[in-house]
């Protein structure tokens, strides 16, 4: 109820100021922030780029980064959709037969289906005078061309048929807004996926159920709540993820495009037909995960096409960058220990103490900065250290050291080496950390049980050590892996 009320208030506010146009758009991908977050840390590679991106999904801008309403409407490439005249030309990347339903002498185009003559994409146009297929018994037929059918319309043209309908396991509340129905034929051995794009504030939803079931709320609910057995459902229309549907039985199925709000909104629905085990040339070949995720294959960024047909790859090394979470970035910050509990404060003894994490390197990189969050009673000298060995067991010899002064006054501060350039080589082993003088405070990140090693972007963290009275010239042996590590941020580049 709370999410619906919030959406309704936002929608009402937009109406009041007269801005139902898109707020989305294309924004550059941000590089990972170099500053540490939390108490030095995380074993996860930190903060992947989160810049807004406009996906090529038939002309619908996908809101990212928690932004406001994005552009919606018809496919951008190919002009406006049918508004009573001739149908527009190609609007979807791979087609979908155009069926003009809005009156006038429109000829068939090649790429989209219009079901009532809404305005051009992003124009905020409302529905036209064509039929509104807002009853389960009267769905608009969809025809696949090249394994795709695409349709754009506006649920504000529709009246609600089942205001108390819910789909268990996906939606926690009903759909009081108008819905529009579509019908497609699922063929034996084939698989399907749905993409629904609508403005973020619209809380649009899509669900699927067999055409053979009665047009009754309980029958539809049973199918859309079955988790893919006889139907499926999905909310979060701003997500890039496709909704898969591999029906156990062939036959006709109905898709409902609905909303959790009383007010309707523009939307674009795309339905993809994959060949599966059937073979054929009139369908798409599913080439990657329908989550459409981005990943790294070594230093190559891999991302799915928006229709799930293939994986596009980019060699980040050609631009001198590194692959991180599927993006090519200038540098990677590994935050070590952020999600681990922090020990009580400890104090270095008379001889001082050296805090080290031990790594095995699988990808050669250049270490460009070390950082830790400290709370020191006064300003101390910090002796940052990097040691190297050709064997995990050691001995580890110093290859880099630099000194900085810490902040004092018992105030939490991020201490850092500043910019450095230290190559770390694949196949070698490194100890990385800092030496603190007598009286300095330090913390460890400790788990109740041993869970090392931990993956980092350039290899694995395998152990940690607290070495008493170590100097910058001391060689160090490899410690037995324990249940603690030293929280720190390590920035590297290719």
Protein backbone atom coordinates (compact mmCIF):
# COMPACT_ATOMS: atom_id res chain seq x y z
CA UNK A 1 0.00 0.00 0.00
CA UNK A 2 2.83 2.34 0.87
CA UNK A 3 4.58 1.92 -2.46
CA UNK A 4 1.30 2.50 -4.33
CA UNK A 5 0.52 5.65 -2.33
CA UNK A 6 4.01 6.99 -2.96
CA UNK A 7 3.66 6.36 -6.67
CA UNK A 8 0.22 8.01 -6.74
CA UNK A 9 1.50 11.09 -4.91
CA UNK A 10 4.41 11.37 -7.30
CA UNK A 11 2.11 10.96 -10.27
CA UNK A 12 -0.24 13.63 -8.92
CA UNK A 13 2.70 15.98 -8.40
CA UNK A 14 3.80 15.50 -11.96
CA UNK A 15 0.31 16.31 -13.19
CA UNK A 16 0.25 19.46 -11.08
CA UNK A 17 3.36 20.87 -12.72
CA UNK A 18 2.48 19.50 -16.13
CA UNK A 19 5.46 17.27 -16.73
CA UNK A 20 4.55 13.82 -17.86
CA UNK A 21 7.44 13.83 -20.30
CA UNK A 22 10.51 11.71 -19.88
CA UNK A 23 13.25 12.51 -17.40
CA UNK A 24 15.54 9.74 -18.60
CA UNK A 25 18.28 9.94 -21.19
CA UNK A 26 21.77 8.92 -21.91
CA UNK A 27 24.43 9.52 -19.32
CA UNK A 28 28.06 8.55 -19.26
CA UNK A 29 29.21 5.54 -17.31
CA UNK A 30 31.00 6.60 -14.19
CA UNK A 31 34.30 5.12 -13.22
CA UNK A 32 34.55 3.54 -9.76
CA UNK A 33 35.06 6.14 -7.05
CA UNK A 34 38.55 5.89 -5.65
CA UNK A 35 37.63 6.71 -2.06
CA UNK A 36 37.07 3.97 0.50
CA UNK A 37 33.63 3.38 1.97
CA UNK A 38 32.91 2.05 5.43
CA UNK A 39 35.57 0.77 7.77
CA UNK A 40 38.03 0.16 4.94
CA UNK A 41 36.14 -2.01 3.20
CA UNK A 42 34.70 -5.03 1.23
CA UNK A 43 35.84 -8.16 -0.36
CA UNK A 44 33.67 -7.25 -3.28
CA UNK A 45 34.98 -5.08 -6.06
CA UNK A 46 33.50 -1.77 -5.17
CA UNK A 47 31.06 0.54 -6.79
CA UNK A 48 30.61 -0.47 -10.44
CA UNK A 49 29.60 2.23 -12.88
CA UNK A 50 25.97 3.20 -12.40
CA UNK A 51 25.48 5.88 -14.97
CA UNK A 52 22.18 6.03 -16.76
CA UNK A 53 21.99 4.20 -20.04
CA UNK A 54 19.40 4.30 -22.75
CA UNK A 55 18.81 0.74 -23.88
CA UNK A 56 17.85 -0.01 -27.47
CA UNK A 57 14.56 -1.66 -26.62
CA UNK A 58 12.26 -0.35 -29.26
CA UNK A 59 12.70 3.29 -28.35
CA UNK A 60 12.04 3.09 -24.64
CA UNK A 61 14.49 4.76 -22.29
CA UNK A 62 15.21 2.65 -19.24
CA UNK A 63 15.40 4.68 -16.01
CA UNK A 64 18.61 3.97 -14.13
CA UNK A 65 20.16 5.13 -10.91
CA UNK A 66 16.78 5.62 -9.26
CA UNK A 67 15.88 8.44 -11.62
CA UNK A 68 12.52 9.88 -12.40
CA UNK A 69 10.12 8.83 -15.10
CA UNK A 70 11.79 7.86 -18.32
CA UNK A 71 10.70 8.17 -21.89
CA UNK A 72 8.14 5.70 -23.03
CA UNK A 73 6.15 5.02 -26.09
CA UNK A 74 6.68 3.59 -29.47
CA UNK A 75 9.92 2.47 -31.08
CA UNK A 76 12.13 5.42 -31.95
CA UNK A 77 13.58 4.12 -35.18
CA UNK A 78 10.93 4.33 -37.78
CA UNK A 79 9.02 7.37 -36.63
CA UNK A 80 5.63 7.64 -35.01
CA UNK A 81 3.37 4.68 -34.67
CA UNK A 82 -0.03 4.45 -36.37
CA UNK A 83 -2.18 7.47 -35.55
CA UNK A 84 -4.98 6.85 -37.98
CA UNK A 85 -3.02 6.94 -41.20
CA UNK A 86 -0.39 4.54 -42.45
CA UNK A 87 1.55 2.37 -40.08
CA UNK A 88 5.13 3.44 -39.30
CA UNK A 89 8.13 1.74 -40.74
CA UNK A 90 10.59 -0.43 -38.89
CA UNK A 91 10.39 0.24 -35.19
CA UNK A 92 11.84 -2.86 -33.56
CA UNK A 93 15.32 -4.12 -34.27
CA UNK A 94 14.16 -7.45 -35.61
CA UNK A 95 10.65 -6.79 -36.71
CA UNK A 96 7.22 -7.88 -35.68
CA UNK A 97 4.32 -7.69 -38.12
CA UNK A 98 2.55 -4.36 -38.12
CA UNK A 99 -1.22 -4.55 -37.65
CA UNK A 100 -3.05 -1.26 -37.98
CA UNK A 101 -6.07 -1.19 -35.69
CA UNK A 102 -6.83 2.52 -35.65
CA UNK A 103 -8.89 3.18 -38.73
CA UNK A 104 -7.91 5.01 -41.86
CA UNK A 105 -6.23 3.66 -44.91
CA UNK A 106 -3.02 2.60 -43.19
CA UNK A 107 -0.84 0.10 -44.94
CA UNK A 108 1.16 -2.45 -42.98
CA UNK A 109 4.58 -1.40 -41.80
CA UNK A 110 7.37 -3.67 -40.62
CA UNK A 111 8.25 -3.57 -37.01
CA UNK A 112 5.52 -2.74 -34.53
CA UNK A 113 1.93 -3.38 -33.65
CA UNK A 114 -0.27 -0.47 -32.63
CA UNK A 115 -3.52 -1.02 -30.84
CA UNK A 116 -5.13 2.35 -30.82
CA UNK A 117 -2.96 5.02 -32.33
CA UNK A 118 -0.91 6.41 -29.48
CA UNK A 119 1.45 9.31 -30.10
CA UNK A 120 5.05 9.13 -31.23
CA UNK A 121 7.63 7.82 -28.82
CA UNK A 122 8.49 10.21 -26.02
CA UNK A 123 5.81 12.72 -27.08
CA UNK A 124 3.42 11.93 -24.27
CA UNK A 125 0.69 11.14 -26.78
CA UNK A 126 -2.49 9.55 -25.53
CA UNK A 127 -4.49 6.69 -27.03
CA UNK A 128 -6.48 7.16 -30.20
CA UNK A 129 -9.87 6.04 -31.41
CA UNK A 130 -8.99 2.44 -32.22
CA UNK A 131 -10.28 -0.61 -30.33
CA UNK A 132 -9.20 -1.02 -26.71
CA UNK A 133 -8.62 -4.68 -25.93
CA UNK A 134 -9.24 -4.40 -22.21
CA UNK A 135 -11.32 -7.55 -21.81
CA UNK A 136 -9.87 -11.03 -21.42
CA UNK A 137 -12.31 -12.39 -24.02
CA UNK A 138 -11.08 -9.89 -26.64
CA UNK A 139 -7.26 -9.88 -26.74
CA UNK A 140 -5.34 -8.35 -29.64
CA UNK A 141 -3.57 -11.11 -31.64
CA UNK A 142 0.20 -10.83 -31.93
CA UNK A 143 2.10 -12.29 -34.89
CA UNK A 144 5.78 -13.12 -34.70
CA UNK A 145 8.08 -12.03 -37.52
CA UNK A 146 11.68 -13.07 -37.20
CA UNK A 147 10.99 -14.30 -33.68
CA UNK A 148 9.61 -11.01 -32.31
CA UNK A 149 6.33 -9.16 -31.82
CA UNK A 150 6.29 -5.59 -30.52
CA UNK A 151 3.34 -3.47 -29.47
CA UNK A 152 3.00 0.01 -27.94
CA UNK A 153 -0.10 1.46 -26.30
CA UNK A 154 -1.36 3.26 -23.21
CA UNK A 155 -3.29 1.65 -20.34
CA UNK A 156 -4.96 4.97 -19.58
CA UNK A 157 -7.28 4.13 -22.51
CA UNK A 158 -8.45 0.96 -20.76
CA UNK A 159 -10.92 0.19 -17.99
CA UNK A 160 -10.17 -2.34 -15.27
CA UNK A 161 -11.62 -5.84 -15.53
CA UNK A 162 -10.27 -7.51 -12.37
CA UNK A 163 -9.30 -4.81 -9.82
CA UNK A 164 -8.52 -7.40 -7.12
CA UNK A 165 -6.27 -9.60 -9.28
CA UNK A 166 -2.90 -10.50 -7.79
CA UNK A 167 -0.14 -12.87 -8.85
CA UNK A 168 1.25 -14.65 -5.80
CA UNK A 169 4.98 -14.66 -5.30
CA UNK A 170 5.55 -11.60 -7.50
CA UNK A 171 3.01 -8.91 -6.63
CA UNK A 172 1.90 -8.03 -3.11
CA UNK A 173 -0.98 -5.85 -4.20
CA UNK A 174 -3.72 -5.81 -6.78
CA UNK A 175 -4.00 -3.98 -10.10
CA UNK A 176 -6.74 -1.31 -9.88
CA UNK A 177 -5.74 0.33 -13.17
CA UNK A 178 -6.92 -0.56 -16.65
CA UNK A 179 -5.27 -3.43 -18.49
CA UNK A 180 -4.80 -4.37 -22.14
CA UNK A 181 -4.70 -7.98 -23.34
CA UNK A 182 -2.70 -9.63 -26.14
CA UNK A 183 -2.80 -13.17 -27.47
CA UNK A 184 0.04 -15.24 -28.95
CA UNK A 185 0.50 -18.84 -30.03
CA UNK A 186 3.20 -20.81 -28.20
CA UNK A 187 4.62 -23.56 -30.37
CA UNK A 188 5.96 -26.90 -29.16
CA UNK A 189 9.66 -26.94 -28.28
CA UNK A 190 9.98 -23.17 -28.32
CA UNK A 191 10.75 -20.74 -25.53
CA UNK A 192 9.56 -17.19 -24.99
CA UNK A 193 10.57 -14.04 -23.15
CA UNK A 194 8.79 -10.75 -22.46
CA UNK A 195 10.14 -7.22 -22.15
CA UNK A 196 7.88 -4.48 -20.75
CA UNK A 197 9.04 -0.88 -20.74
CA UNK A 198 7.03 1.93 -19.17
CA UNK A 199 7.73 5.13 -17.22
CA UNK A 200 9.19 4.36 -13.81
CA UNK A 201 6.31 5.88 -11.86
CA UNK A 202 3.72 3.77 -13.66
CA UNK A 203 4.36 0.54 -11.67
CA UNK A 204 3.46 -1.38 -14.82
CA UNK A 205 3.19 -5.17 -14.71
CA UNK A 206 2.81 -8.01 -17.16
CA UNK A 207 1.35 -11.49 -16.62
CA UNK A 208 0.66 -14.53 -18.81
CA UNK A 209 -2.03 -17.20 -18.62
CA UNK A 210 -3.48 -19.82 -21.00
CA UNK A 211 -6.21 -18.62 -23.35
CA UNK A 212 -8.09 -21.83 -22.54
CA UNK A 213 -8.73 -20.92 -18.89
CA UNK A 214 -11.97 -19.08 -18.00
CA UNK A 215 -11.84 -15.29 -18.05
CA UNK A 216 -12.19 -15.25 -14.28
CA UNK A 217 -9.95 -13.69 -11.65
CA UNK A 218 -9.18 -16.93 -9.78
CA UNK A 219 -8.27 -18.81 -12.96
CA UNK A 220 -5.94 -16.03 -14.09
CA UNK A 221 -4.42 -15.77 -10.62
CA UNK A 222 -3.71 -19.50 -10.51
CA UNK A 223 -1.87 -19.38 -13.84
CA UNK A 224 0.14 -16.19 -13.32
CA UNK A 225 1.12 -17.45 -9.85
CA UNK A 226 2.39 -20.81 -11.12
CA UNK A 227 5.99 -19.70 -11.64
CA UNK A 228 6.09 -20.67 -15.30
CA UNK A 229 4.10 -23.90 -15.15
CA UNK A 230 0.96 -22.54 -16.79
CA UNK A 231 1.78 -18.83 -16.76
CA UNK A 232 4.10 -16.22 -15.32
CA UNK A 233 4.24 -12.63 -14.10
CA UNK A 234 6.65 -9.76 -13.68
CA UNK A 235 6.71 -6.28 -12.17
CA UNK A 236 9.49 -3.66 -12.19
CA UNK A 237 9.11 -2.54 -15.78
CA UNK A 238 12.30 -0.45 -15.54
CA UNK A 239 14.45 -3.59 -15.21
CA UNK A 240 16.60 -4.67 -18.13
CA UNK A 241 15.90 -8.32 -17.29
CA UNK A 242 13.67 -10.31 -19.62
CA UNK A 243 10.85 -12.43 -18.21
CA UNK A 244 11.28 -16.01 -19.49
CA UNK A 245 8.33 -18.26 -20.26
CA UNK A 246 8.79 -21.84 -21.48
CA UNK A 247 5.25 -23.25 -21.50
CA UNK A 248 4.88 -26.95 -20.78
CA UNK A 249 2.09 -27.15 -23.31
CA UNK A 250 1.79 -25.51 -26.70
CA UNK A 251 -1.27 -23.45 -27.54
CA UNK A 252 -2.62 -19.93 -27.22
CA UNK A 253 -1.66 -17.72 -24.27
CA UNK A 254 -2.86 -14.30 -23.18
CA UNK A 255 -0.61 -11.49 -21.94
CA UNK A 256 -2.06 -8.82 -19.68
CA UNK A 257 -0.33 -5.45 -19.36
CA UNK A 258 -1.61 -3.90 -16.13
CA UNK A 259 -0.69 -1.34 -13.48
CA UNK A 260 -0.80 -1.01 -9.71
CA UNK A 261 -2.04 2.57 -10.07
CA UNK A 262 -5.47 3.87 -11.04
CA UNK A 263 -3.78 6.06 -13.62
CA UNK A 264 -2.55 4.39 -16.77
CA UNK A 265 0.66 4.97 -18.69
CA UNK A 266 2.37 4.46 -22.01
CA UNK A 267 4.22 1.18 -22.49
CA UNK A 268 6.03 -0.94 -25.03
CA UNK A 269 5.72 -4.72 -24.87
CA UNK A 270 8.12 -6.96 -26.77
CA UNK A 271 7.66 -10.73 -26.96
CA UNK A 272 10.55 -12.86 -28.20
CA UNK A 273 10.25 -16.38 -29.59
CA UNK A 274 13.35 -18.58 -29.30
CA UNK A 275 13.88 -21.73 -31.35
CA UNK A 276 14.59 -23.91 -28.32
CA UNK A 277 14.56 -27.57 -29.35
CA UNK A 278 12.27 -27.03 -32.32
CA UNK A 279 14.82 -25.80 -34.83
CA UNK A 280 13.55 -23.56 -37.61
CA UNK A 281 14.61 -20.24 -39.08
CA UNK A 282 11.59 -18.10 -38.16
CA UNK A 283 12.68 -17.74 -34.52
CA UNK A 284 15.54 -16.29 -32.52
CA UNK A 285 18.46 -18.27 -31.15
CA UNK A 286 18.88 -17.61 -27.46
CA UNK A 287 22.53 -16.74 -27.04
CA UNK A 288 22.91 -15.70 -23.40
CA UNK A 289 21.32 -15.42 -19.98
CA UNK A 290 17.93 -13.69 -20.07
CA UNK A 291 18.99 -11.66 -17.03
CA UNK A 292 20.84 -9.64 -19.69
CA UNK A 293 23.65 -9.21 -17.20
CA UNK A 294 27.07 -7.75 -17.85
CA UNK A 295 30.13 -9.76 -16.93
CA UNK A 296 33.87 -9.97 -17.49
CA UNK A 297 35.59 -12.77 -19.39
CA UNK A 298 39.15 -12.06 -18.37
CA UNK A 299 39.66 -8.46 -19.46
CA UNK A 300 36.83 -8.63 -21.99
CA UNK A 301 33.47 -7.05 -21.18
CA UNK A 302 30.52 -9.19 -22.20
CA UNK A 303 26.90 -8.05 -22.37
CA UNK A 304 23.74 -9.57 -23.78
CA UNK A 305 21.74 -8.05 -26.61
CA UNK A 306 18.46 -6.69 -25.31
CA UNK A 307 16.62 -9.58 -26.99
CA UNK A 308 18.86 -12.24 -25.44
CA UNK A 309 20.13 -13.47 -28.81
CA UNK A 310 23.87 -12.95 -28.47
CA UNK A 311 26.66 -11.74 -26.25
CA UNK A 312 28.51 -8.64 -27.39
CA UNK A 313 32.13 -8.42 -26.26
CA UNK A 314 34.56 -5.55 -25.87
CA UNK A 315 38.28 -6.00 -25.27
CA UNK A 316 38.94 -3.39 -22.59
CA UNK A 317 42.71 -3.64 -23.09
CA UNK A 318 42.43 -1.93 -26.49
CA UNK A 319 41.64 1.30 -24.63
CA UNK A 320 44.06 0.66 -21.76
CA UNK A 321 41.24 -0.14 -19.37
CA UNK A 322 40.20 -3.06 -17.19
CA UNK A 323 36.98 -5.03 -17.15
CA UNK A 324 34.96 -4.73 -13.95
CA UNK A 325 31.37 -5.96 -13.53
CA UNK A 326 30.94 -5.99 -17.30
CA UNK A 327 32.23 -2.46 -17.88
CA UNK A 328 35.57 -1.14 -19.14
CA UNK A 329 36.96 1.09 -16.39
CA UNK A 330 40.19 3.02 -15.89
CA UNK A 331 40.87 1.46 -12.48
CA UNK A 332 39.39 -0.97 -9.97
CA UNK A 333 39.08 -0.45 -6.24
CA UNK A 334 38.95 -3.65 -4.17
CA UNK A 335 37.58 -2.97 -0.71
CA UNK A 336 38.74 -5.75 1.56
CA UNK A 337 36.80 -6.54 4.72
CA UNK A 338 33.80 -4.21 4.47
CA UNK A 339 31.25 -6.89 5.28
CA UNK A 340 33.23 -8.47 8.12
CA UNK A 341 32.66 -7.59 11.80
CA UNK A 342 35.23 -5.20 13.30
CA UNK A 343 37.24 -6.23 16.35
CA UNK A 344 37.59 -4.01 19.43
CA UNK A 345 40.37 -1.43 19.17
CA UNK A 346 43.89 -2.69 19.87
CA UNK A 347 47.07 -0.72 20.61
CA UNK A 348 50.52 -1.33 19.13
CA UNK A 349 53.16 -2.33 21.66
CA UNK A 350 56.56 -0.78 22.27
CA UNK A 351 58.06 -2.17 19.07
CA UNK A 352 55.13 -1.21 16.84
CA UNK A 353 53.13 -3.57 14.68
CA UNK A 354 52.80 -4.42 10.97
CA UNK A 355 49.37 -5.30 9.51
CA UNK A 356 49.48 -7.35 6.30
CA UNK A 357 47.11 -9.09 3.90
CA UNK A 358 48.58 -11.81 1.67
CA UNK A 359 47.57 -12.20 -1.98
CA UNK A 360 48.18 -14.56 -4.85
CA UNK A 361 48.01 -12.69 -8.16
CA UNK A 362 46.36 -14.22 -11.23
CA UNK A 363 46.20 -11.06 -13.39
CA UNK A 364 49.13 -8.69 -13.77
CA UNK A 365 48.20 -5.15 -12.84
CA UNK A 366 49.70 -1.96 -11.38
CA UNK A 367 48.85 -1.05 -7.82
CA UNK A 368 48.12 2.71 -7.76
CA UNK A 369 46.92 3.41 -4.21
CA UNK A 370 46.49 1.85 -0.76
CA UNK A 371 44.11 3.23 1.84
CA UNK A 372 42.79 2.42 5.29
CA UNK A 373 40.34 4.06 7.68
CA UNK A 374 41.98 4.76 11.02
CA UNK A 375 41.09 6.39 14.33
CA UNK A 376 44.33 7.52 15.95
CA UNK A 377 44.75 9.36 19.28
CA UNK A 378 47.44 11.59 17.72
CA UNK A 379 49.35 11.98 14.49
CA UNK A 380 51.65 9.01 13.79
CA UNK A 381 54.06 8.00 11.04
CA UNK A 382 52.54 5.36 8.77
CA UNK A 383 55.00 3.09 6.94
CA UNK A 384 53.12 1.60 3.96
CA UNK A 385 54.63 -1.66 2.72
CA UNK A 386 54.40 -4.04 -0.24
CA UNK A 387 56.41 -7.29 -0.17
CA UNK A 388 56.80 -9.88 -2.94
CA UNK A 389 57.66 -13.59 -3.16
CA UNK A 390 57.94 -16.12 -5.97
CA UNK A 391 56.56 -18.78 -3.62
CA UNK A 392 53.52 -18.59 -1.36
CA UNK A 393 55.53 -19.88 1.60
CA UNK A 394 57.96 -16.97 1.26
CA UNK A 395 60.16 -15.37 2.21
CA UNK A 396 58.47 -12.08 1.24
CA UNK A 397 60.94 -9.32 0.36
CA UNK A 398 60.09 -5.59 0.51
CA UNK A 399 59.66 -4.03 -2.96
CA UNK A 400 57.96 -0.77 -1.99
CA UNK A 401 57.63 1.50 1.02
CA UNK A 402 56.43 5.05 1.56
CA UNK A 403 55.65 7.11 4.62
CA UNK A 404 52.74 9.41 5.43
CA UNK A 405 51.41 11.05 8.59
CA UNK A 406 48.07 10.03 10.05
CA UNK A 407 45.37 12.32 11.32
CA UNK A 408 44.91 12.42 15.08
CA UNK A 409 42.39 13.59 17.63
CA UNK A 410 40.49 10.27 17.68
CA UNK A 411 38.70 11.25 14.48
CA UNK A 412 38.01 8.61 11.82
CA UNK A 413 39.97 9.44 8.69
CA UNK A 414 40.94 7.75 5.44
CA UNK A 415 44.69 7.32 5.40
CA UNK A 416 46.28 6.72 2.02
CA UNK A 417 49.60 6.31 0.27
CA UNK A 418 48.55 8.79 -2.36
CA UNK A 419 49.31 7.91 -6.00
CA UNK A 420 51.86 5.12 -6.41
CA UNK A 421 52.97 2.84 -9.27
CA UNK A 422 53.84 -0.70 -8.14
CA UNK A 423 53.52 -3.55 -10.70
CA UNK A 424 52.16 -6.83 -9.35
CA UNK A 425 52.74 -9.85 -11.56
CA UNK A 426 50.59 -12.88 -12.30
CA UNK A 427 51.98 -16.00 -10.66
CA UNK A 428 53.64 -14.14 -7.81
CA UNK A 429 52.64 -13.57 -4.21
CA UNK A 430 52.37 -10.31 -2.28
CA UNK A 431 51.94 -9.01 1.26
CA UNK A 432 50.34 -5.56 1.42
CA UNK A 433 49.77 -3.36 4.45
CA UNK A 434 51.19 -0.80 6.88
CA UNK A 435 53.52 -0.58 9.87
CA UNK A 436 52.26 1.39 12.88
CA UNK A 437 54.45 2.80 15.69
CA UNK A 438 54.04 2.18 19.42
CA UNK A 439 50.79 3.55 20.82
CA UNK A 440 48.91 3.54 17.49
CA UNK A 441 45.43 2.05 17.45
CA UNK A 442 44.31 -0.59 14.96
CA UNK A 443 41.40 -2.88 14.21
CA UNK A 444 40.99 -6.24 12.50
CA UNK A 445 38.04 -7.61 10.57
CA UNK A 446 37.18 -10.98 12.07
CA UNK A 447 34.73 -13.76 11.29
CA UNK A 448 33.47 -16.49 13.58
CA UNK A 449 34.92 -19.11 11.24
CA UNK A 450 37.64 -19.36 8.62
CA UNK A 451 36.37 -18.35 5.17
CA UNK A 452 39.61 -17.46 3.40
CA UNK A 453 40.55 -17.30 0.56
CA UNK A 454 38.54 -14.39 -0.83
CA UNK A 455 38.45 -13.31 -4.47
CA UNK A 456 39.66 -9.87 -5.53
CA UNK A 457 39.90 -8.36 -9.00
CA UNK A 458 43.53 -9.37 -9.49
CA UNK A 459 43.56 -12.73 -7.69
CA UNK A 460 42.80 -13.98 -4.17
CA UNK A 461 43.41 -12.89 -0.60
CA UNK A 462 44.65 -16.01 1.17
CA UNK A 463 45.80 -14.97 4.66
CA UNK A 464 46.54 -12.03 6.98
CA UNK A 465 49.13 -11.39 9.68
CA UNK A 466 49.85 -9.07 12.59
CA UNK A 467 53.65 -8.94 12.91
CA UNK A 468 55.16 -7.47 16.08
CA UNK A 469 58.20 -5.19 15.89
CA UNK A 470 58.64 -5.46 12.10
CA UNK A 471 60.82 -2.93 10.28
CA UNK A 472 60.65 -1.83 6.66
CA UNK A 473 63.64 -4.06 5.83
CA UNK A 474 62.31 -7.21 7.49
CA UNK A 475 61.52 -10.28 5.36
CA UNK A 476 58.33 -12.07 6.35
CA UNK A 477 57.12 -15.64 6.06
CA UNK A 478 53.63 -16.79 5.08
CA UNK A 479 51.22 -17.12 8.02
CA UNK A 480 48.65 -19.85 8.51
CA UNK A 481 45.26 -18.60 7.22
CA UNK A 482 43.04 -17.52 10.11
CA UNK A 483 39.65 -15.99 10.72
CA UNK A 484 40.69 -12.33 10.34
CA UNK A 485 42.02 -9.89 7.76
CA UNK A 486 43.19 -6.29 7.61
CA UNK A 487 40.57 -3.96 6.14
CA UNK A 488 42.00 -1.85 3.35
CA UNK A 489 41.28 -0.47 -0.09
CA UNK A 490 43.54 -1.45 -2.99
CA UNK A 491 43.28 0.43 -6.29
CA UNK A 492 44.81 -1.15 -9.40
CA UNK A 493 44.90 -0.49 -13.12
CA UNK A 494 45.89 -2.49 -16.17
